[in-house]
Amino acid sequence: MLRVNLAKLKYRINYNPINYDVQIGMYNTESDNHIQYKDARANQWRCDKCDGTFSTFRKLKAHKSQFHAY
């Protein structure tokens, strides 16, 4: 049960959902607009401490352990 709650928290804090806006014809994330889906996908995960963007959660996790570990 605890594992499920941690997974939901992970997505709530760091995940940037990708939405397609039909009116402007672009893919939107919370921080930016992208013309192509692959560009939006490359910025799907965001570091909450330095606002860096990453394409996968694994890369985000490695970044946090290297640069933000105490």
PDB file of N, CA and C in Angstrom:
ATOM      1  N   MET A   1       0.826  -1.197   0.000  1.00  0.00           N
ATOM      2  CA  MET A   1       0.000   0.000   0.000  1.00  0.00           C
ATOM      3  C   MET A   1       0.868   1.257   0.000  1.00  0.00           C
ATOM      4  N   LEU A   2       1.949   1.251   0.752  1.00  0.00           N
ATOM      5  CA  LEU A   2       2.833   2.407   0.821  1.00  0.00           C
ATOM      6  C   LEU A   2       3.503   2.666  -0.525  1.00  0.00           C
ATOM      7  N   ARG A   3       3.855   1.606  -1.245  1.00  0.00           N
ATOM      8  CA  ARG A   3       4.510   1.744  -2.541  1.00  0.00           C
ATOM      9  C   ARG A   3       3.610   2.468  -3.548  1.00  0.00           C
ATOM     10  N   VAL A   4       2.339   2.210  -3.528  1.00  0.00           N
ATOM     11  CA  VAL A   4       1.397   2.864  -4.428  1.00  0.00           C
ATOM     12  C   VAL A   4       1.329   4.357  -4.128  1.00  0.00           C
ATOM     13  N   ASN A   5       1.321   4.732  -2.883  1.00  0.00           N
ATOM     14  CA  ASN A   5       1.263   6.137  -2.507  1.00  0.00           C
ATOM     15  C   ASN A   5       2.522   6.884  -2.919  1.00  0.00           C
ATOM     16  N   LEU A   6       3.694   6.260  -2.819  1.00  0.00           N
ATOM     17  CA  LEU A   6       4.933   6.893  -3.233  1.00  0.00           C
ATOM     18  C   LEU A   6       4.954   7.106  -4.740  1.00  0.00           C
ATOM     19  N   ALA A   7       4.416   6.170  -5.508  1.00  0.00           N
ATOM     20  CA  ALA A   7       4.374   6.319  -6.961  1.00  0.00           C
ATOM     21  C   ALA A   7       3.475   7.486  -7.350  1.00  0.00           C
ATOM     22  N   LYS A   8       2.341   7.626  -6.693  1.00  0.00           N
ATOM     23  CA  LYS A   8       1.446   8.743  -6.994  1.00  0.00           C
ATOM     24  C   LYS A   8       2.095  10.069  -6.631  1.00  0.00           C
ATOM     25  N   LEU A   9       2.817  10.114  -5.519  1.00  0.00           N
ATOM     26  CA  LEU A   9       3.506  11.331  -5.098  1.00  0.00           C
ATOM     27  C   LEU A   9       4.593  11.706  -6.099  1.00  0.00           C
ATOM     28  N   LYS A  10       5.308  10.713  -6.613  1.00  0.00           N
ATOM     29  CA  LYS A  10       6.358  10.941  -7.603  1.00  0.00           C
ATOM     30  C   LYS A  10       5.779  11.635  -8.837  1.00  0.00           C
ATOM     31  N   TYR A  11       4.651  11.176  -9.320  1.00  0.00           N
ATOM     32  CA  TYR A  11       4.039  11.777 -10.494  1.00  0.00           C
ATOM     33  C   TYR A  11       3.448  13.149 -10.191  1.00  0.00           C
ATOM     34  N   ARG A  12       2.920  13.321  -9.019  1.00  0.00           N
ATOM     35  CA  ARG A  12       2.309  14.598  -8.667  1.00  0.00           C
ATOM     36  C   ARG A  12       3.349  15.710  -8.562  1.00  0.00           C
ATOM     37  N   ILE A  13       4.530  15.398  -8.056  1.00  0.00           N
ATOM     38  CA  ILE A  13       5.561  16.413  -7.851  1.00  0.00           C
ATOM     39  C   ILE A  13       6.344  16.699  -9.129  1.00  0.00           C
ATOM     40  N   ASN A  14       6.788  15.673  -9.850  1.00  0.00           N
ATOM     41  CA  ASN A  14       7.765  15.856 -10.899  1.00  0.00           C
ATOM     42  C   ASN A  14       7.239  15.700 -12.327  1.00  0.00           C
ATOM     43  N   TYR A  15       6.073  15.122 -12.519  1.00  0.00           N
ATOM     44  CA  TYR A  15       5.622  14.805 -13.868  1.00  0.00           C
ATOM     45  C   TYR A  15       4.976  16.010 -14.543  1.00  0.00           C
ATOM     46  N   ASN A  16       5.382  16.284 -15.764  1.00  0.00           N
ATOM     47  CA  ASN A  16       4.821  17.351 -16.585  1.00  0.00           C
ATOM     48  C   ASN A  16       3.963  16.718 -17.668  1.00  0.00           C
ATOM     49  N   PRO A  17       2.645  16.685 -17.555  1.00  0.00           N
ATOM     50  CA  PRO A  17       1.840  16.033 -18.591  1.00  0.00           C
ATOM     51  C   PRO A  17       1.916  16.793 -19.916  1.00  0.00           C
ATOM     52  N   ILE A  18       1.810  16.066 -21.023  1.00  0.00           N
ATOM     53  CA  ILE A  18       1.852  16.661 -22.359  1.00  0.00           C
ATOM     54  C   ILE A  18       0.437  16.690 -22.906  1.00  0.00           C
ATOM     55  N   ASN A  19      -0.007  17.858 -23.303  1.00  0.00           N
ATOM     56  CA  ASN A  19      -1.334  18.033 -23.886  1.00  0.00           C
ATOM     57  C   ASN A  19      -1.189  18.683 -25.252  1.00  0.00           C
ATOM     58  N   TYR A  20      -2.073  18.314 -26.183  1.00  0.00           N
ATOM     59  CA  TYR A  20      -2.065  18.928 -27.505  1.00  0.00           C
ATOM     60  C   TYR A  20      -3.158  19.988 -27.555  1.00  0.00           C
ATOM     61  N   ASP A  21      -2.793  21.197 -27.902  1.00  0.00           N
ATOM     62  CA  ASP A  21      -3.752  22.292 -28.023  1.00  0.00           C
ATOM     63  C   ASP A  21      -4.128  22.445 -29.490  1.00  0.00           C
ATOM     64  N   VAL A  22      -5.372  22.150 -29.817  1.00  0.00           N
ATOM     65  CA  VAL A  22      -5.828  22.169 -31.201  1.00  0.00           C
ATOM     66  C   VAL A  22      -5.876  23.591 -31.747  1.00  0.00           C
ATOM     67  N   GLN A  23      -6.200  24.547 -30.930  1.00  0.00           N
ATOM     68  CA  GLN A  23      -6.332  25.927 -31.395  1.00  0.00           C
ATOM     69  C   GLN A  23      -5.019  26.502 -31.910  1.00  0.00           C
ATOM     70  N   ILE A  24      -3.923  26.227 -31.230  1.00  0.00           N
ATOM     71  CA  ILE A  24      -2.637  26.764 -31.673  1.00  0.00           C
ATOM     72  C   ILE A  24      -1.787  25.716 -32.383  1.00  0.00           C
ATOM     73  N   GLY A  25      -2.196  24.451 -32.347  1.00  0.00           N
ATOM     74  CA  GLY A  25      -1.488  23.382 -33.033  1.00  0.00           C
ATOM     75  C   GLY A  25      -0.143  23.034 -32.429  1.00  0.00           C
ATOM     76  N   MET A  26      -0.033  23.129 -31.112  1.00  0.00           N
ATOM     77  CA  MET A  26       1.230  22.839 -30.440  1.00  0.00           C
ATOM     78  C   MET A  26       0.992  21.939 -29.240  1.00  0.00           C
ATOM     79  N   TYR A  27       2.071  21.262 -28.821  1.00  0.00           N
ATOM     80  CA  TYR A  27       2.035  20.438 -27.616  1.00  0.00           C
ATOM     81  C   TYR A  27       2.417  21.307 -26.425  1.00  0.00           C
ATOM     82  N   ASN A  28       1.622  21.254 -25.381  1.00  0.00           N
ATOM     83  CA  ASN A  28       1.838  22.081 -24.196  1.00  0.00           C
ATOM     84  C   ASN A  28       2.283  21.223 -23.026  1.00  0.00           C
ATOM     85  N   THR A  29       3.280  21.739 -22.314  1.00  0.00           N
ATOM     86  CA  THR A  29       3.612  21.234 -20.988  1.00  0.00           C
ATOM     87  C   THR A  29       3.344  22.393 -20.035  1.00  0.00           C
ATOM     88  N   GLU A  30       3.543  22.193 -18.759  1.00  0.00           N
ATOM     89  CA  GLU A  30       3.268  23.276 -17.812  1.00  0.00           C
ATOM     90  C   GLU A  30       4.158  24.486 -18.045  1.00  0.00           C
ATOM     91  N   SER A  31       5.373  24.262 -18.530  1.00  0.00           N
ATOM     92  CA  SER A  31       6.323  25.358 -18.627  1.00  0.00           C
ATOM     93  C   SER A  31       6.520  25.914 -20.030  1.00  0.00           C
ATOM     94  N   ASP A  32       6.162  25.178 -21.089  1.00  0.00           N
ATOM     95  CA  ASP A  32       6.528  25.619 -22.428  1.00  0.00           C
ATOM     96  C   ASP A  32       5.604  25.011 -23.474  1.00  0.00           C
ATOM     97  N   ASN A  33       5.666  25.557 -24.699  1.00  0.00           N
ATOM     98  CA  ASN A  33       4.955  25.024 -25.859  1.00  0.00           C
ATOM     99  C   ASN A  33       5.983  24.450 -26.824  1.00  0.00           C
ATOM    100  N   HIS A  34       5.626  23.326 -27.461  1.00  0.00           N
ATOM    101  CA  HIS A  34       6.534  22.658 -28.385  1.00  0.00           C
ATOM    102  C   HIS A  34       5.787  22.339 -29.670  1.00  0.00           C
ATOM    103  N   ILE A  35       6.496  22.422 -30.795  1.00  0.00           N
ATOM    104  CA  ILE A  35       5.880  22.129 -32.086  1.00  0.00           C
ATOM    105  C   ILE A  35       5.731  20.623 -32.283  1.00  0.00           C
ATOM    106  N   GLN A  36       6.750  19.856 -31.923  1.00  0.00           N
ATOM    107  CA  GLN A  36       6.726  18.417 -32.112  1.00  0.00           C
ATOM    108  C   GLN A  36       6.566  17.693 -30.786  1.00  0.00           C
ATOM    109  N   TYR A  37       5.960  16.499 -30.863  1.00  0.00           N
ATOM    110  CA  TYR A  37       5.743  15.690 -29.673  1.00  0.00           C
ATOM    111  C   TYR A  37       7.066  15.248 -29.047  1.00  0.00           C
ATOM    112  N   LYS A  38       8.055  14.913 -29.884  1.00  0.00           N
ATOM    113  CA  LYS A  38       9.326  14.435 -29.330  1.00  0.00           C
ATOM    114  C   LYS A  38      10.043  15.527 -28.542  1.00  0.00           C
ATOM    115  N   ASP A  39       9.863  16.792 -28.904  1.00  0.00           N
ATOM    116  CA  ASP A  39      10.443  17.884 -28.119  1.00  0.00           C
ATOM    117  C   ASP A  39       9.747  18.019 -26.772  1.00  0.00           C
ATOM    118  N   ALA A  40       8.436  17.864 -26.768  1.00  0.00           N
ATOM    119  CA  ALA A  40       7.691  17.926 -25.506  1.00  0.00           C
ATOM    120  C   ALA A  40       8.038  16.731 -24.626  1.00  0.00           C
ATOM    121  N   ARG A  41       8.236  15.589 -25.240  1.00  0.00           N
ATOM    122  CA  ARG A  41       8.573  14.373 -24.499  1.00  0.00           C
ATOM    123  C   ARG A  41       9.953  14.488 -23.844  1.00  0.00           C
ATOM    124  N   ALA A  42      10.872  15.215 -24.489  1.00  0.00           N
ATOM    125  CA  ALA A  42      12.221  15.383 -23.950  1.00  0.00           C
ATOM    126  C   ALA A  42      12.220  16.231 -22.684  1.00  0.00           C
ATOM    127  N   ASN A  43      11.164  16.988 -22.450  1.00  0.00           N
ATOM    128  CA  ASN A  43      11.070  17.861 -21.277  1.00  0.00           C
ATOM    129  C   ASN A  43       9.941  17.436 -20.349  1.00  0.00           C
ATOM    130  N   GLN A  44       9.710  16.129 -20.265  1.00  0.00           N
ATOM    131  CA  GLN A  44       8.546  15.630 -19.550  1.00  0.00           C
ATOM    132  C   GLN A  44       8.709  15.605 -18.026  1.00  0.00           C
ATOM    133  N   TRP A  45       9.915  15.439 -17.532  1.00  0.00           N
ATOM    134  CA  TRP A  45      10.156  15.382 -16.091  1.00  0.00           C
ATOM    135  C   TRP A  45      10.925  16.618 -15.649  1.00  0.00           C
ATOM    136  N   ARG A  46      10.556  17.204 -14.517  1.00  0.00           N
ATOM    137  CA  ARG A  46      11.154  18.453 -14.043  1.00  0.00           C
ATOM    138  C   ARG A  46      11.717  18.265 -12.636  1.00  0.00           C
ATOM    139  N   CYS A  47      12.922  18.778 -12.423  1.00  0.00           N
ATOM    140  CA  CYS A  47      13.539  18.766 -11.098  1.00  0.00           C
ATOM    141  C   CYS A  47      12.909  19.885 -10.274  1.00  0.00           C
ATOM    142  N   ASP A  48      12.441  19.566  -9.081  1.00  0.00           N
ATOM    143  CA  ASP A  48      11.770  20.564  -8.257  1.00  0.00           C
ATOM    144  C   ASP A  48      12.744  21.520  -7.575  1.00  0.00           C
ATOM    145  N   LYS A  49      14.035  21.195  -7.559  1.00  0.00           N
ATOM    146  CA  LYS A  49      15.006  22.068  -6.897  1.00  0.00           C
ATOM    147  C   LYS A  49      15.664  23.056  -7.847  1.00  0.00           C
ATOM    148  N   CYS A  50      15.992  22.633  -9.069  1.00  0.00           N
ATOM    149  CA  CYS A  50      16.687  23.528  -9.993  1.00  0.00           C
ATOM    150  C   CYS A  50      15.905  23.783 -11.284  1.00  0.00           C
ATOM    151  N   ASP A  51      14.715  23.231 -11.424  1.00  0.00           N
ATOM    152  CA  ASP A  51      13.849  23.381 -12.602  1.00  0.00           C
ATOM    153  C   ASP A  51      14.480  22.872 -13.894  1.00  0.00           C
ATOM    154  N   GLY A  52      15.411  21.950 -13.812  1.00  0.00           N
ATOM    155  CA  GLY A  52      15.946  21.297 -15.002  1.00  0.00           C
ATOM    156  C   GLY A  52      14.931  20.298 -15.531  1.00  0.00           C
ATOM    157  N   THR A  53      14.939  20.045 -16.837  1.00  0.00           N
ATOM    158  CA  THR A  53      13.988  19.100 -17.430  1.00  0.00           C
ATOM    159  C   THR A  53      14.724  17.885 -17.966  1.00  0.00           C
ATOM    160  N   PHE A  54      14.047  16.726 -17.903  1.00  0.00           N
ATOM    161  CA  PHE A  54      14.634  15.454 -18.299  1.00  0.00           C
ATOM    162  C   PHE A  54      13.609  14.627 -19.052  1.00  0.00           C
ATOM    163  N   SER A  55      14.103  13.714 -19.896  1.00  0.00           N
ATOM    164  CA  SER A  55      13.200  12.926 -20.721  1.00  0.00           C
ATOM    165  C   SER A  55      12.634  11.711 -19.993  1.00  0.00           C
ATOM    166  N   THR A  56      13.359  11.172 -19.022  1.00  0.00           N
ATOM    167  CA  THR A  56      12.880   9.999 -18.289  1.00  0.00           C
ATOM    168  C   THR A  56      13.032  10.221 -16.787  1.00  0.00           C
ATOM    169  N   PHE A  57      12.267   9.472 -16.034  1.00  0.00           N
ATOM    170  CA  PHE A  57      12.356   9.556 -14.582  1.00  0.00           C
ATOM    171  C   PHE A  57      13.699   9.037 -14.097  1.00  0.00           C
ATOM    172  N   ARG A  58      14.247   8.051 -14.782  1.00  0.00           N
ATOM    173  CA  ARG A  58      15.553   7.502 -14.409  1.00  0.00           C
ATOM    174  C   ARG A  58      16.634   8.574 -14.487  1.00  0.00           C
ATOM    175  N   LYS A  59      16.604   9.416 -15.530  1.00  0.00           N
ATOM    176  CA  LYS A  59      17.580  10.509 -15.661  1.00  0.00           C
ATOM    177  C   LYS A  59      17.368  11.561 -14.576  1.00  0.00           C
ATOM    178  N   LEU A  60      16.124  11.840 -14.248  1.00  0.00           N
ATOM    179  CA  LEU A  60      15.826  12.786 -13.174  1.00  0.00           C
ATOM    180  C   LEU A  60      16.345  12.265 -11.839  1.00  0.00           C
ATOM    181  N   LYS A  61      16.139  10.988 -11.586  1.00  0.00           N
ATOM    182  CA  LYS A  61      16.583  10.382 -10.336  1.00  0.00           C
ATOM    183  C   LYS A  61      18.105  10.410 -10.230  1.00  0.00           C
ATOM    184  N   ALA A  62      18.807  10.136 -11.337  1.00  0.00           N
ATOM    185  CA  ALA A  62      20.271  10.195 -11.343  1.00  0.00           C
ATOM    186  C   ALA A  62      20.753  11.629 -11.119  1.00  0.00           C
ATOM    187  N   HIS A  63      20.088  12.597 -11.717  1.00  0.00           N
ATOM    188  CA  HIS A  63      20.447  14.006 -11.530  1.00  0.00           C
ATOM    189  C   HIS A  63      20.303  14.414 -10.067  1.00  0.00           C
ATOM    190  N   LYS A  64      19.209  14.020  -9.454  1.00  0.00           N
ATOM    191  CA  LYS A  64      18.991  14.378  -8.049  1.00  0.00           C
ATOM    192  C   LYS A  64      20.034  13.741  -7.142  1.00  0.00           C
ATOM    193  N   SER A  65      20.412  12.508  -7.428  1.00  0.00           N
ATOM    194  CA  SER A  65      21.405  11.856  -6.570  1.00  0.00           C
ATOM    195  C   SER A  65      22.792  12.454  -6.768  1.00  0.00           C
ATOM    196  N   GLN A  66      23.108  12.949  -7.958  1.00  0.00           N
ATOM    197  CA  GLN A  66      24.431  13.521  -8.211  1.00  0.00           C
ATOM    198  C   GLN A  66      24.543  14.960  -7.745  1.00  0.00           C
ATOM    199  N   PHE A  67      23.542  15.768  -8.013  1.00  0.00           N
ATOM    200  CA  PHE A  67      23.661  17.213  -7.778  1.00  0.00           C
ATOM    201  C   PHE A  67      22.966  17.709  -6.522  1.00  0.00           C
ATOM    202  N   HIS A  68      21.952  16.999  -6.050  1.00  0.00           N
ATOM    203  CA  HIS A  68      21.192  17.489  -4.910  1.00  0.00           C
ATOM    204  C   HIS A  68      21.282  16.575  -3.694  1.00  0.00           C
ATOM    205  N   ALA A  69      22.228  15.644  -3.675  1.00  0.00           N
ATOM    206  CA  ALA A  69      22.385  14.756  -2.524  1.00  0.00           C
ATOM    207  C   ALA A  69      23.104  15.495  -1.402  1.00  0.00           C
ATOM    208  N   TYR A  70      22.705  15.231  -0.198  1.00  0.00           N
ATOM    209  CA  TYR A  70      23.296  15.897   0.959  1.00  0.00           C
ATOM    210  C   TYR A  70      24.367  15.056   1.583  1.00  0.00           C
TER     211      TYR A  70
END
